[in-house]
Amino acid sequence: MKVAFLVAKEGIEQVELTDPWKAVADAGHTPELVSPESGRVQAFDHLDKADTFAVDRTVGEARPDDYDALVLPGGVANPDALRMDEDAVAFAKAFFDLGKPVAAICHAPWTLVEADVLRGRTLTSWPSLRTDITNAGGTWVDEQVKVCTAGPNTLITSRKPDDLKAFCETLLGELAP
């Protein structure tokens, strides 16, 4: 399976990118880094700069049809930048329209709020997104991992880096044949 990881140019919480990426790759799937801009993206360890990662495809080059699932890492600045990019929002929304799994952690649901795909869905996130999710028609819960199938696709969400083990296990369970 081929899994798109959608990130902005900077502000990605590194562990929220690298842990799911490693889990996907170790399970024999193909992760691919997709971003609005080519080149490298800057990850962070909370507010401190961490590593950079090479973009495999820009949002303009990538086609949701070519992927089996989408992962949205968090970080505060990352999803905030993505939600301001119409092509990135449309890319994320397409996975819902195509009925493909989407996994989002921490602040990443901000991109989904902008894509208007949370109406009638139950999810979790970093607690500060609760009002945004509720205003977008979703139901926010405080759980380590929430799997919601009350829509056209499976939506997997988690709250924070401490939830990554459960988040990755749940994502891999969804990708299993």
Protein backbone atom coordinates (compact mmCIF):
# COMPACT_ATOMS: atom_id res chain seq x y z
CA MET A 1 0.00 0.00 0.00
CA LYS A 2 1.07 3.55 -0.70
CA VAL A 3 0.45 6.10 2.07
CA ALA A 4 0.63 9.88 1.59
CA PHE A 5 1.96 11.99 4.46
CA LEU A 6 0.74 15.56 3.88
CA VAL A 7 2.79 18.32 5.52
CA ALA A 8 3.45 22.04 5.15
CA LYS A 9 6.87 23.56 4.44
CA GLU A 10 7.59 23.88 8.17
CA GLY A 11 6.15 23.40 11.62
CA ILE A 12 5.70 19.61 11.53
CA GLU A 13 6.04 17.91 14.92
CA GLN A 14 8.90 15.58 13.95
CA VAL A 15 7.90 12.54 16.02
CA GLU A 16 4.36 12.77 14.61
CA LEU A 17 5.88 12.38 11.15
CA THR A 18 8.69 9.92 11.83
CA ASP A 19 6.93 7.40 14.10
CA PRO A 20 3.98 6.73 11.76
CA TRP A 21 6.32 6.85 8.74
CA LYS A 22 8.56 4.18 10.29
CA ALA A 23 5.55 2.06 11.25
CA VAL A 24 4.15 2.24 7.72
CA ALA A 25 7.54 1.43 6.13
CA ASP A 26 8.35 -1.35 8.61
CA ALA A 27 4.99 -2.97 7.76
CA GLY A 28 6.04 -3.16 4.11
CA HIS A 29 4.00 -0.21 2.86
CA THR A 30 5.34 2.77 0.92
CA PRO A 31 5.18 6.16 2.64
CA GLU A 32 5.46 9.26 0.47
CA LEU A 33 5.97 12.85 1.66
CA VAL A 34 3.60 15.29 -0.03
CA SER A 35 3.77 19.05 0.49
CA PRO A 36 2.60 22.22 -1.26
CA GLU A 37 6.21 23.07 -2.12
CA SER A 38 9.07 20.94 -3.45
CA GLY A 39 12.44 20.69 -1.74
CA ARG A 40 12.73 20.00 1.97
CA VAL A 41 10.36 20.53 4.89
CA GLN A 42 11.41 21.63 8.37
CA ALA A 43 10.30 19.52 11.31
CA PHE A 44 10.30 20.66 14.91
CA ASP A 45 10.69 19.13 18.34
CA HIS A 46 7.94 21.19 19.96
CA LEU A 47 9.23 24.74 19.33
CA ASP A 48 12.84 23.86 18.45
CA LYS A 49 14.00 23.15 14.91
CA ALA A 50 14.72 19.48 14.31
CA ASP A 51 15.49 17.64 11.06
CA THR A 52 14.51 18.41 7.49
CA PHE A 53 12.92 15.88 5.13
CA ALA A 54 12.83 15.67 1.35
CA VAL A 55 9.46 16.10 -0.35
CA ASP A 56 8.62 13.23 -2.68
CA ARG A 57 5.79 15.01 -4.52
CA THR A 58 4.11 18.36 -4.39
CA VAL A 59 0.37 18.54 -3.83
CA GLY A 60 0.09 19.64 -7.47
CA GLU A 61 1.88 16.49 -8.65
CA ALA A 62 0.26 14.01 -6.28
CA ARG A 63 -3.07 12.37 -7.05
CA PRO A 64 -5.20 11.01 -4.19
CA ASP A 65 -6.23 8.12 -6.48
CA ASP A 66 -2.62 6.89 -6.35
CA TYR A 67 -2.66 6.40 -2.56
CA ASP A 68 -4.39 3.95 -0.25
CA ALA A 69 -4.44 6.23 2.82
CA LEU A 70 -3.49 9.67 4.12
CA VAL A 71 -1.60 10.55 7.30
CA LEU A 72 -1.71 14.09 8.67
CA PRO A 73 1.06 14.75 11.23
CA GLY A 74 0.54 17.58 13.68
CA GLY A 75 2.56 20.42 15.05
CA VAL A 76 0.80 23.73 15.57
CA ALA A 77 2.16 25.58 12.52
CA ASN A 78 1.95 22.64 10.10
CA PRO A 79 -1.84 22.18 9.86
CA ASP A 80 -2.39 25.91 10.25
CA ALA A 81 -0.32 26.47 7.10
CA LEU A 82 -1.98 23.58 5.26
CA ARG A 83 -5.47 24.92 5.94
CA MET A 84 -4.49 28.14 4.16
CA ASP A 85 -3.46 26.24 1.01
CA GLU A 86 -6.50 25.44 -1.17
CA ASP A 87 -4.72 22.63 -3.02
CA ALA A 88 -3.61 20.95 0.22
CA VAL A 89 -7.14 21.18 1.64
CA ALA A 90 -8.59 19.74 -1.59
CA PHE A 91 -6.01 16.93 -1.50
CA ALA A 92 -7.05 15.97 2.06
CA LYS A 93 -10.76 16.26 1.24
CA ALA A 94 -10.35 13.95 -1.76
CA PHE A 95 -9.48 11.03 0.55
CA PHE A 96 -12.89 11.43 2.20
CA ASP A 97 -14.61 11.70 -1.18
CA LEU A 98 -12.82 8.53 -2.35
CA GLY A 99 -13.63 6.62 0.86
CA LYS A 100 -9.95 6.17 1.79
CA PRO A 101 -8.64 6.08 5.38
CA VAL A 102 -7.31 9.27 6.93
CA ALA A 103 -5.22 9.36 10.13
CA ALA A 104 -4.62 12.68 11.90
CA ILE A 105 -2.81 13.42 15.14
CA CYS A 106 -2.66 16.34 17.56
CA HIS A 107 -3.34 19.65 15.73
CA ALA A 108 -3.71 17.97 12.30
CA PRO A 109 -7.55 18.01 12.34
CA TRP A 110 -7.36 21.76 11.65
CA THR A 111 -6.78 20.83 8.01
CA LEU A 112 -9.92 18.66 8.15
CA VAL A 113 -11.94 21.48 9.71
CA GLU A 114 -11.03 23.59 6.70
CA ALA A 115 -11.89 20.73 4.31
CA ASP A 116 -15.40 20.62 5.85
CA VAL A 117 -15.33 16.84 6.33
CA LEU A 118 -16.00 16.55 10.07
CA ARG A 119 -19.76 17.01 10.14
CA GLY A 120 -21.25 14.00 11.93
CA ARG A 121 -17.82 12.54 12.75
CA THR A 122 -16.42 11.77 16.21
CA LEU A 123 -12.72 12.43 16.73
CA THR A 124 -10.04 13.45 19.15
CA SER A 125 -7.16 15.92 18.90
CA TRP A 126 -5.06 18.23 20.97
CA PRO A 127 -7.62 19.70 23.42
CA SER A 128 -7.40 23.26 22.05
CA LEU A 129 -9.09 22.12 18.80
CA ARG A 130 -12.27 21.04 20.61
CA THR A 131 -14.22 24.21 19.78
CA ASP A 132 -13.05 24.22 16.14
CA ILE A 133 -14.10 20.60 15.69
CA THR A 134 -17.46 21.20 17.37
CA ASN A 135 -18.08 24.30 15.24
CA ALA A 136 -17.27 22.20 12.14
CA GLY A 137 -20.05 19.76 13.07
CA GLY A 138 -17.88 17.10 14.66
CA THR A 139 -18.01 15.59 18.11
CA TRP A 140 -14.79 15.90 20.11
CA VAL A 141 -13.79 13.21 22.62
CA ASP A 142 -10.78 12.96 24.93
CA GLU A 143 -9.47 9.50 24.00
CA GLN A 144 -6.03 8.13 23.18
CA VAL A 145 -7.21 7.00 19.73
CA LYS A 146 -10.61 7.41 18.13
CA VAL A 147 -11.68 5.45 15.07
CA CYS A 148 -14.77 6.85 13.35
CA THR A 149 -16.53 5.00 10.55
CA ALA A 150 -19.64 7.21 10.58
CA GLY A 151 -18.88 8.65 7.16
CA PRO A 152 -17.55 7.78 3.74
CA ASN A 153 -14.19 6.62 5.11
CA THR A 154 -12.39 5.54 8.26
CA LEU A 155 -11.04 8.46 10.28
CA ILE A 156 -8.33 7.68 12.86
CA THR A 157 -7.36 10.44 15.29
CA SER A 158 -5.11 10.81 18.34
CA ARG A 159 -4.39 13.60 20.82
CA LYS A 160 -0.62 13.97 21.18
CA PRO A 161 2.83 12.40 20.82
CA ASP A 162 2.25 10.26 23.94
CA ASP A 163 -0.50 8.48 21.94
CA LEU A 164 1.75 7.60 18.99
CA LYS A 165 2.15 3.91 19.80
CA ALA A 166 -1.62 3.36 19.83
CA PHE A 167 -2.06 5.68 16.82
CA CYS A 168 0.48 3.72 14.75
CA GLU A 169 -0.97 0.35 15.76
CA THR A 170 -4.47 1.51 14.82
CA LEU A 171 -3.25 2.91 11.49
CA LEU A 172 -1.48 -0.34 10.64
CA GLY A 173 -4.61 -2.30 11.56
CA GLU A 174 -6.56 -0.22 9.05
CA LEU A 175 -3.93 -0.84 6.36
CA ALA A 176 -3.91 -4.60 6.93
CA PRO A 177 -5.55 -6.62 4.14
